[in-house]
Amino acid sequence: MATSAQKANKATRTSGKSSGFRLLTLGRNGDILSLQKGENMKAAIIGLGVIGKVHYDVLKRQGEDIVALCDIDAAKLNGYDNVKKYFDYKKMLDEEKIDVVHICTPHYLHADMTIYALERNVNVLCEKPLCIRKEDVARIIDAENKSEAMLGVCLQNRYNKSSQFVKRYFQNKKIDFAFGNVLWHRDKEYYASGEWRGKKETEGGGVLINQAIHTLDLMQWICGEPKSVCANTYNYSLKDVIEVEDTAVALFKGDTDFEFFATNTAKTDLPVEIRFIAGGDIVTLYPDKVLINGDVADIENEIEWNGKRSYGNGHEKLIGHFYDCVAKKEKFPIDGSEAAKCVKEVLSAYESDGKFVEI
């Protein structure tokens, strides 16, 4: 357990296993453009599904030392050479000397895996959502506070240049209202790709907690934390396939109110769109551009686009930034407490059932 002095210096702590120095290259407005790294860190990944492969590819490009991979499905571990493979994540964390473990598993496993790693002072980079139950939020933050290690969560759309531009744009401007929408497509084949998908107990919900949580995170990050929410959820198209919602609408009330619509019933994935109303201006945020009263804003071009344009290009930058913070012993901005904000918004929306509830 960490001492009081160690807790007070949480922002300067890491597992202490690597001393690599990393240099961030910043744009003229402070955006993270690139990272130059020194000594490799020892990384491990739990979960080699779609998103686990994204993390693996980023780590390879960044030149990290991937020492171990873990998945309960032996087939998913095929094709990875020169790395130790495990079926039991606890065994891997107990046996390997790891600087950072990436948790890329189904939602319901995030809390216990994160806590187990933090208790062993292993830095954790967890995929969204942080967890799917309010009681687990407190458990995770308690483990984070007691650990010598850092916790980061992949809410990577904050790292899109367009998101950072809008965040700066409203730094000293009052937003009157905002409206966001997510229009994506998820079909029977998608839900059949994993037994945990589409189930309340294992996914935690549907479109809100899985696809739309990134957009809700952006809205509260830019508009400020809401205090209450009124929401309704529906299952329009897959009632015989999933037990969770495919469509949701919500009104969040706070210093800046914002409304939100999300569905998985669109014919294809469309770019996420958030409109901010401020005075007489309308600022529209997309993953790769910003419109101000219909005109394209002047944003520095992306160096390279590695993600789907429907959701953004932030994974590369977020992972690089997390490793930079671990190496420099600096606080990572999207820690457990920060990532818990959008989780509590979503879970409160589920509790609402058409009535305003406190978040």
Protein backbone atom coordinates (compact mmCIF):
# COMPACT_ATOMS: atom_id res chain seq x y z
CA MET A 1 0.00 0.00 0.00
CA ALA A 2 1.24 3.48 -0.82
CA THR A 3 2.28 5.80 2.01
CA SER A 4 0.69 9.23 2.50
CA ALA A 5 3.71 10.90 0.96
CA GLN A 6 3.52 8.62 -2.07
CA LYS A 7 -0.18 9.38 -2.54
CA ALA A 8 0.56 13.10 -2.45
CA ASN A 9 2.98 12.63 -5.33
CA LYS A 10 0.78 10.44 -7.47
CA ALA A 11 1.48 12.52 -10.57
CA THR A 12 5.19 11.73 -10.37
CA ARG A 13 4.91 8.00 -9.87
CA THR A 14 5.40 5.04 -12.17
CA SER A 15 6.36 1.42 -11.76
CA GLY A 16 9.97 2.46 -12.09
CA LYS A 17 10.98 -0.35 -14.41
CA SER A 18 12.07 1.78 -17.37
CA SER A 19 13.95 5.03 -17.61
CA GLY A 20 13.36 5.81 -21.27
CA PHE A 21 13.10 9.51 -22.11
CA ARG A 22 10.50 10.64 -24.60
CA LEU A 23 10.25 13.94 -26.40
CA LEU A 24 6.86 15.28 -27.47
CA THR A 25 6.67 17.33 -30.64
CA LEU A 26 3.99 20.01 -30.28
CA GLY A 27 2.12 22.04 -32.86
CA ARG A 28 1.77 25.80 -32.67
CA ASN A 29 -1.28 25.43 -30.44
CA GLY A 30 0.16 22.76 -28.18
CA ASP A 31 -1.30 19.75 -30.01
CA ILE A 32 0.62 16.50 -29.72
CA LEU A 33 2.03 15.84 -33.19
CA SER A 34 4.60 13.13 -32.62
CA LEU A 35 6.68 11.38 -29.99
CA GLN A 36 10.36 10.56 -30.10
CA LYS A 37 11.24 7.81 -27.69
CA GLY A 38 14.27 6.51 -25.91
CA GLU A 39 14.55 3.23 -24.05
CA ASN A 40 11.86 0.67 -24.84
CA MET A 41 9.22 -0.23 -22.30
CA LYS A 42 8.03 -3.75 -21.65
CA ALA A 43 4.41 -4.05 -22.74
CA ALA A 44 1.77 -6.77 -22.52
CA ILE A 45 -1.74 -7.01 -23.95
CA ILE A 46 -4.74 -8.83 -22.50
CA GLY A 47 -7.31 -9.54 -25.21
CA LEU A 48 -6.34 -9.96 -28.88
CA GLY A 49 -9.65 -9.18 -30.52
CA VAL A 50 -10.22 -6.30 -32.93
CA ILE A 51 -9.13 -3.53 -30.56
CA GLY A 52 -6.28 -5.57 -29.08
CA LYS A 53 -4.78 -5.82 -32.56
CA VAL A 54 -5.00 -2.03 -32.88
CA HIS A 55 -2.98 -1.65 -29.68
CA TYR A 56 -0.48 -4.27 -30.85
CA ASP A 57 0.09 -2.48 -34.16
CA VAL A 58 0.57 0.88 -32.44
CA LEU A 59 3.09 -0.60 -30.01
CA LYS A 60 5.03 -2.16 -32.88
CA ARG A 61 5.13 1.15 -34.73
CA GLN A 62 6.32 2.90 -31.57
CA GLY A 63 9.02 0.30 -31.04
CA GLU A 64 7.93 -0.89 -27.62
CA ASP A 65 9.08 -4.28 -26.35
CA ILE A 66 5.97 -6.49 -26.37
CA VAL A 67 6.94 -9.25 -23.94
CA ALA A 68 3.64 -11.07 -23.40
CA LEU A 69 0.17 -11.56 -24.85
CA CYS A 70 -2.86 -13.10 -23.17
CA ASP A 71 -6.18 -14.39 -24.46
CA ILE A 72 -8.43 -17.28 -23.46
CA ASP A 73 -8.85 -18.14 -27.15
CA ALA A 74 -5.73 -19.90 -28.43
CA ALA A 75 -6.62 -19.06 -32.04
CA LYS A 76 -6.33 -15.34 -31.32
CA LEU A 77 -2.75 -15.82 -30.16
CA ASN A 78 -1.70 -17.40 -33.45
CA GLY A 79 0.52 -15.37 -35.73
CA TYR A 80 2.40 -13.51 -33.01
CA ASP A 81 6.05 -14.56 -32.89
CA ASN A 82 8.84 -14.01 -30.39
CA VAL A 83 6.51 -13.25 -27.51
CA LYS A 84 5.34 -15.27 -24.49
CA LYS A 85 1.69 -16.29 -24.63
CA TYR A 86 -0.70 -16.83 -21.75
CA PHE A 87 -4.27 -17.96 -21.25
CA ASP A 88 -4.41 -16.67 -17.64
CA TYR A 89 -3.90 -12.91 -17.16
CA LYS A 90 -3.12 -13.31 -13.47
CA LYS A 91 -0.34 -15.76 -14.23
CA MET A 92 1.08 -13.37 -16.83
CA LEU A 93 1.03 -10.38 -14.46
CA ASP A 94 2.57 -12.43 -11.66
CA GLU A 95 5.36 -13.95 -13.76
CA GLU A 96 6.35 -11.23 -16.23
CA LYS A 97 8.20 -7.99 -15.59
CA ILE A 98 5.84 -5.55 -17.30
CA ASP A 99 5.88 -1.75 -17.47
CA VAL A 100 2.46 -1.31 -19.10
CA VAL A 101 -0.39 -3.75 -19.56
CA HIS A 102 -3.10 -3.00 -22.14
CA ILE A 103 -6.56 -4.28 -21.20
CA CYS A 104 -8.49 -4.88 -24.42
CA THR A 105 -11.05 -7.40 -23.19
CA PRO A 106 -14.87 -7.40 -23.08
CA HIS A 107 -16.32 -4.65 -20.89
CA TYR A 108 -17.30 -6.77 -17.89
CA LEU A 109 -13.68 -7.85 -17.34
CA HIS A 110 -12.16 -4.36 -17.21
CA ALA A 111 -12.66 -3.64 -13.52
CA ASP A 112 -11.16 -6.82 -12.03
CA MET A 113 -8.25 -6.91 -14.49
CA THR A 114 -7.42 -3.25 -13.90
CA ILE A 115 -7.49 -3.65 -10.14
CA TYR A 116 -5.37 -6.82 -10.22
CA ALA A 117 -2.67 -5.06 -12.27
CA LEU A 118 -2.69 -1.89 -10.16
CA GLU A 119 -2.34 -3.96 -7.00
CA ARG A 120 0.89 -5.31 -8.52
CA ASN A 121 2.09 -1.81 -9.42
CA VAL A 122 1.80 -2.40 -13.16
CA ASN A 123 0.79 0.64 -15.20
CA VAL A 124 -2.56 0.03 -16.90
CA LEU A 125 -3.95 1.34 -20.17
CA CYS A 126 -7.56 0.16 -20.29
CA GLU A 127 -9.92 0.33 -23.23
CA LYS A 128 -13.26 2.09 -22.77
CA PRO A 129 -15.45 1.89 -20.85
CA LEU A 130 -13.54 1.96 -17.58
CA CYS A 131 -16.22 -0.34 -16.16
CA ILE A 132 -19.96 -1.05 -16.45
CA ARG A 133 -21.14 -0.74 -12.83
CA LYS A 134 -21.14 2.29 -10.53
CA GLU A 135 -19.81 0.26 -7.63
CA ASP A 136 -16.77 -0.70 -9.70
CA VAL A 137 -15.90 2.97 -10.29
CA ALA A 138 -15.11 3.38 -6.58
CA ARG A 139 -13.18 0.09 -6.47
CA ILE A 140 -10.97 1.07 -9.40
CA ILE A 141 -10.23 4.59 -8.15
CA ASP A 142 -9.40 3.21 -4.71
CA ALA A 143 -6.94 0.74 -6.28
CA GLU A 144 -5.47 3.53 -8.42
CA ASN A 145 -4.94 5.77 -5.39
CA LYS A 146 -3.20 2.98 -3.46
CA SER A 147 -1.00 1.85 -6.34
CA GLU A 148 2.48 2.95 -7.31
CA ALA A 149 1.37 2.64 -10.94
CA MET A 150 -0.65 4.82 -13.30
CA LEU A 151 -4.04 4.16 -14.86
CA GLY A 152 -5.02 5.51 -18.27
CA VAL A 153 -8.22 4.93 -20.25
CA CYS A 154 -8.62 4.98 -24.03
CA LEU A 155 -10.96 7.87 -24.69
CA GLN A 156 -8.87 8.63 -27.72
CA ASN A 157 -11.18 10.99 -29.57
CA ARG A 158 -9.90 13.78 -27.32
CA TYR A 159 -6.67 13.46 -29.31
CA ASN A 160 -8.24 14.17 -32.69
CA LYS A 161 -7.00 17.54 -33.94
CA SER A 162 -10.56 18.64 -34.52
CA SER A 163 -11.50 17.88 -30.89
CA GLN A 164 -8.49 19.75 -29.55
CA PHE A 165 -9.28 22.73 -31.78
CA VAL A 166 -12.85 22.97 -30.45
CA LYS A 167 -11.68 22.53 -26.85
CA ARG A 168 -9.36 25.52 -27.31
CA TYR A 169 -11.95 27.52 -29.26
CA PHE A 170 -14.34 27.48 -26.31
CA GLN A 171 -11.73 27.99 -23.62
CA ASN A 172 -12.90 31.55 -23.00
CA LYS A 173 -16.31 31.40 -24.69
CA LYS A 174 -19.66 30.42 -23.22
CA ILE A 175 -21.45 27.53 -24.96
CA ASP A 176 -25.22 28.03 -24.88
CA PHE A 177 -26.22 24.53 -25.94
CA ALA A 178 -24.83 21.48 -27.74
CA PHE A 179 -26.31 18.58 -29.70
CA GLY A 180 -24.45 15.40 -30.63
CA ASN A 181 -25.40 12.41 -32.72
CA VAL A 182 -23.93 9.01 -33.48
CA LEU A 183 -25.41 7.23 -36.50
CA TRP A 184 -23.73 3.85 -36.89
CA HIS A 185 -24.53 0.37 -38.15
CA ARG A 186 -24.35 -2.83 -36.11
CA ASP A 187 -26.04 -5.97 -37.40
CA LYS A 188 -26.58 -9.59 -36.35
CA GLU A 189 -23.13 -10.58 -37.58
CA TYR A 190 -21.51 -7.95 -35.36
CA TYR A 191 -23.26 -9.22 -32.24
CA ALA A 192 -22.56 -12.82 -33.18
CA SER A 193 -18.82 -12.04 -33.27
CA GLY A 194 -18.60 -12.17 -29.48
CA GLU A 195 -20.79 -13.96 -26.91
CA TRP A 196 -20.50 -10.98 -24.55
CA ARG A 197 -21.96 -8.49 -27.03
CA GLY A 198 -25.57 -7.42 -26.70
CA LYS A 199 -25.96 -8.65 -23.10
CA LYS A 200 -26.55 -6.33 -20.16
CA GLU A 201 -24.44 -8.40 -17.79
CA THR A 202 -21.35 -8.49 -20.00
CA GLU A 203 -21.51 -5.46 -22.33
CA GLY A 204 -23.21 -3.24 -19.76
CA GLY A 205 -25.63 -1.84 -22.31
CA GLY A 206 -25.79 -1.18 -26.02
CA VAL A 207 -25.06 1.82 -28.21
CA LEU A 208 -24.64 4.25 -25.29
CA ILE A 209 -21.92 2.43 -23.38
CA ASN A 210 -20.16 0.94 -26.39
CA GLN A 211 -20.21 3.11 -29.51
CA ALA A 212 -21.51 6.45 -28.18
CA ILE A 213 -19.50 6.79 -24.98
CA HIS A 214 -16.65 8.48 -26.87
CA THR A 215 -18.97 11.23 -28.09
CA LEU A 216 -20.51 11.73 -24.65
CA ASP A 217 -16.99 12.03 -23.27
CA LEU A 218 -16.16 14.75 -25.80
CA MET A 219 -19.33 16.64 -24.98
CA GLN A 220 -18.75 16.68 -21.23
CA TRP A 221 -15.03 17.44 -21.77
CA ILE A 222 -15.89 20.53 -23.83
CA CYS A 223 -19.21 21.61 -22.25
CA GLY A 224 -18.46 20.67 -18.64
CA GLU A 225 -19.80 17.86 -16.46
CA PRO A 226 -23.59 17.60 -16.41
CA LYS A 227 -25.42 17.30 -13.11
CA SER A 228 -28.51 15.38 -14.24
CA VAL A 229 -29.92 13.48 -17.20
CA CYS A 230 -33.26 12.46 -18.66
CA ALA A 231 -33.01 9.61 -21.17
CA ASN A 232 -34.92 6.92 -23.00
CA THR A 233 -33.52 3.83 -24.69
CA TYR A 234 -35.06 1.60 -27.34
CA ASN A 235 -34.44 -1.60 -29.25
CA TYR A 236 -35.91 -1.08 -32.69
CA SER A 237 -34.23 -3.50 -35.04
CA LEU A 238 -32.60 -6.39 -33.15
CA LYS A 239 -35.12 -7.43 -30.51
CA ASP A 240 -34.58 -11.09 -31.31
CA VAL A 241 -30.78 -10.73 -31.20
CA ILE A 242 -29.78 -8.43 -28.31
CA GLU A 243 -31.23 -7.55 -24.90
CA VAL A 244 -29.76 -4.02 -24.84
CA GLU A 245 -30.62 -0.79 -26.65
CA ASP A 246 -29.78 0.00 -30.25
CA THR A 247 -31.09 3.59 -29.96
CA ALA A 248 -31.00 6.23 -27.23
CA VAL A 249 -31.90 9.89 -26.72
CA ALA A 250 -30.81 11.93 -23.71
CA LEU A 251 -30.85 15.48 -22.36
CA PHE A 252 -28.03 16.36 -19.97
CA LYS A 253 -28.46 19.37 -17.67
CA GLY A 254 -25.58 21.35 -16.19
CA ASP A 255 -23.80 24.66 -16.58
CA THR A 256 -24.14 23.95 -20.31
CA ASP A 257 -27.03 21.70 -21.34
CA PHE A 258 -26.53 19.23 -24.16
CA GLU A 259 -28.75 16.80 -26.00
CA PHE A 260 -27.67 13.52 -27.51
CA PHE A 261 -28.98 10.97 -29.98
CA ALA A 262 -27.34 7.65 -30.82
CA THR A 263 -28.37 4.66 -32.89
CA ASN A 264 -26.85 1.50 -34.32
CA THR A 265 -29.64 1.16 -36.87
CA ALA A 266 -28.18 3.37 -39.62
CA LYS A 267 -27.38 1.71 -42.93
CA THR A 268 -23.68 2.50 -42.53
CA ASP A 269 -21.29 4.23 -40.11
CA LEU A 270 -21.56 7.99 -40.55
CA PRO A 271 -19.08 10.51 -39.09
CA VAL A 272 -19.95 11.55 -35.56
CA GLU A 273 -21.27 15.11 -35.43
CA ILE A 274 -21.50 17.55 -32.50
CA ARG A 275 -22.97 21.04 -32.88
CA PHE A 276 -22.12 23.74 -30.36
CA ILE A 277 -24.28 26.88 -30.20
CA ALA A 278 -22.47 29.94 -28.82
CA GLY A 279 -23.97 33.39 -29.25
CA GLY A 280 -24.73 33.66 -32.93
CA ASP A 281 -22.19 31.02 -33.94
CA ILE A 282 -22.64 27.35 -34.75
CA VAL A 283 -19.48 25.26 -34.41
CA THR A 284 -19.75 21.73 -35.80
CA LEU A 285 -17.22 19.12 -34.75
CA TYR A 286 -16.43 16.10 -36.94
CA PRO A 287 -13.64 13.53 -36.42
CA ASP A 288 -11.45 15.16 -39.08
CA LYS A 289 -12.69 18.75 -39.46
CA VAL A 290 -14.49 21.66 -37.82
CA LEU A 291 -17.07 23.97 -39.40
CA ILE A 292 -17.68 27.46 -38.02
CA ASN A 293 -20.96 28.81 -39.38
CA GLY A 294 -20.56 26.45 -42.32
CA ASP A 295 -16.97 27.39 -43.17
CA VAL A 296 -14.12 24.91 -42.68
CA ALA A 297 -11.84 26.04 -39.85
CA ASP A 298 -8.08 26.31 -40.35
CA ILE A 299 -6.68 23.26 -38.54
CA GLU A 300 -3.21 21.85 -39.06
CA ASN A 301 -3.42 18.74 -41.25
CA GLU A 302 -3.07 15.32 -39.73
CA ILE A 303 0.37 13.81 -40.29
CA GLU A 304 -1.15 10.38 -40.89
CA TRP A 305 -4.65 8.92 -40.64
CA ASN A 306 -4.67 5.44 -39.10
CA GLY A 307 -8.26 5.09 -37.89
CA LYS A 308 -11.72 4.91 -39.40
CA ARG A 309 -12.93 8.37 -40.34
CA SER A 310 -16.27 7.63 -38.70
CA TYR A 311 -14.68 7.81 -35.25
CA GLY A 312 -11.26 9.44 -35.44
CA ASN A 313 -7.53 8.91 -35.35
CA GLY A 314 -6.60 9.25 -31.69
CA HIS A 315 -5.36 5.81 -30.59
CA GLU A 316 -1.82 6.37 -31.84
CA LYS A 317 -1.46 9.68 -30.01
CA LEU A 318 -3.15 8.56 -26.80
CA ILE A 319 -1.00 5.45 -26.44
CA GLY A 320 2.14 7.43 -27.20
CA HIS A 321 1.18 10.09 -24.68
CA PHE A 322 0.49 7.51 -21.96
CA TYR A 323 3.92 5.93 -22.44
CA ASP A 324 5.45 9.39 -22.40
CA CYS A 325 3.77 10.14 -19.06
CA VAL A 326 4.94 6.84 -17.57
CA ALA A 327 8.51 7.45 -18.73
CA LYS A 328 8.59 11.03 -17.44
CA LYS A 329 6.60 10.20 -14.31
CA GLU A 330 3.95 12.77 -15.19
CA LYS A 331 0.20 12.60 -14.62
CA PHE A 332 -1.81 11.21 -17.53
CA PRO A 333 -4.89 13.40 -18.11
CA ILE A 334 -7.42 10.61 -18.70
CA ASP A 335 -6.98 8.68 -15.46
CA GLY A 336 -9.58 6.71 -13.53
CA SER A 337 -11.40 9.71 -12.10
CA GLU A 338 -11.55 11.44 -15.48
CA ALA A 339 -12.70 8.34 -17.36
CA ALA A 340 -15.35 7.66 -14.71
CA LYS A 341 -17.23 10.83 -15.69
CA CYS A 342 -18.66 9.47 -18.96
CA VAL A 343 -19.30 6.06 -17.37
CA LYS A 344 -21.46 7.66 -14.68
CA GLU A 345 -23.28 9.70 -17.33
CA VAL A 346 -24.14 6.56 -19.30
CA LEU A 347 -25.16 4.51 -16.26
CA SER A 348 -27.33 7.38 -15.00
CA ALA A 349 -28.97 7.59 -18.43
CA TYR A 350 -29.85 3.90 -18.14
CA GLU A 351 -31.38 4.53 -14.71
CA SER A 352 -33.40 7.51 -15.95
CA ASP A 353 -36.24 5.77 -17.78
CA GLY A 354 -37.65 9.06 -19.00
CA LYS A 355 -37.20 11.00 -15.75
CA PHE A 356 -34.43 13.35 -14.63
CA VAL A 357 -31.94 11.69 -12.30
CA GLU A 358 -28.78 13.03 -10.70
CA ILE A 359 -25.48 11.83 -12.13
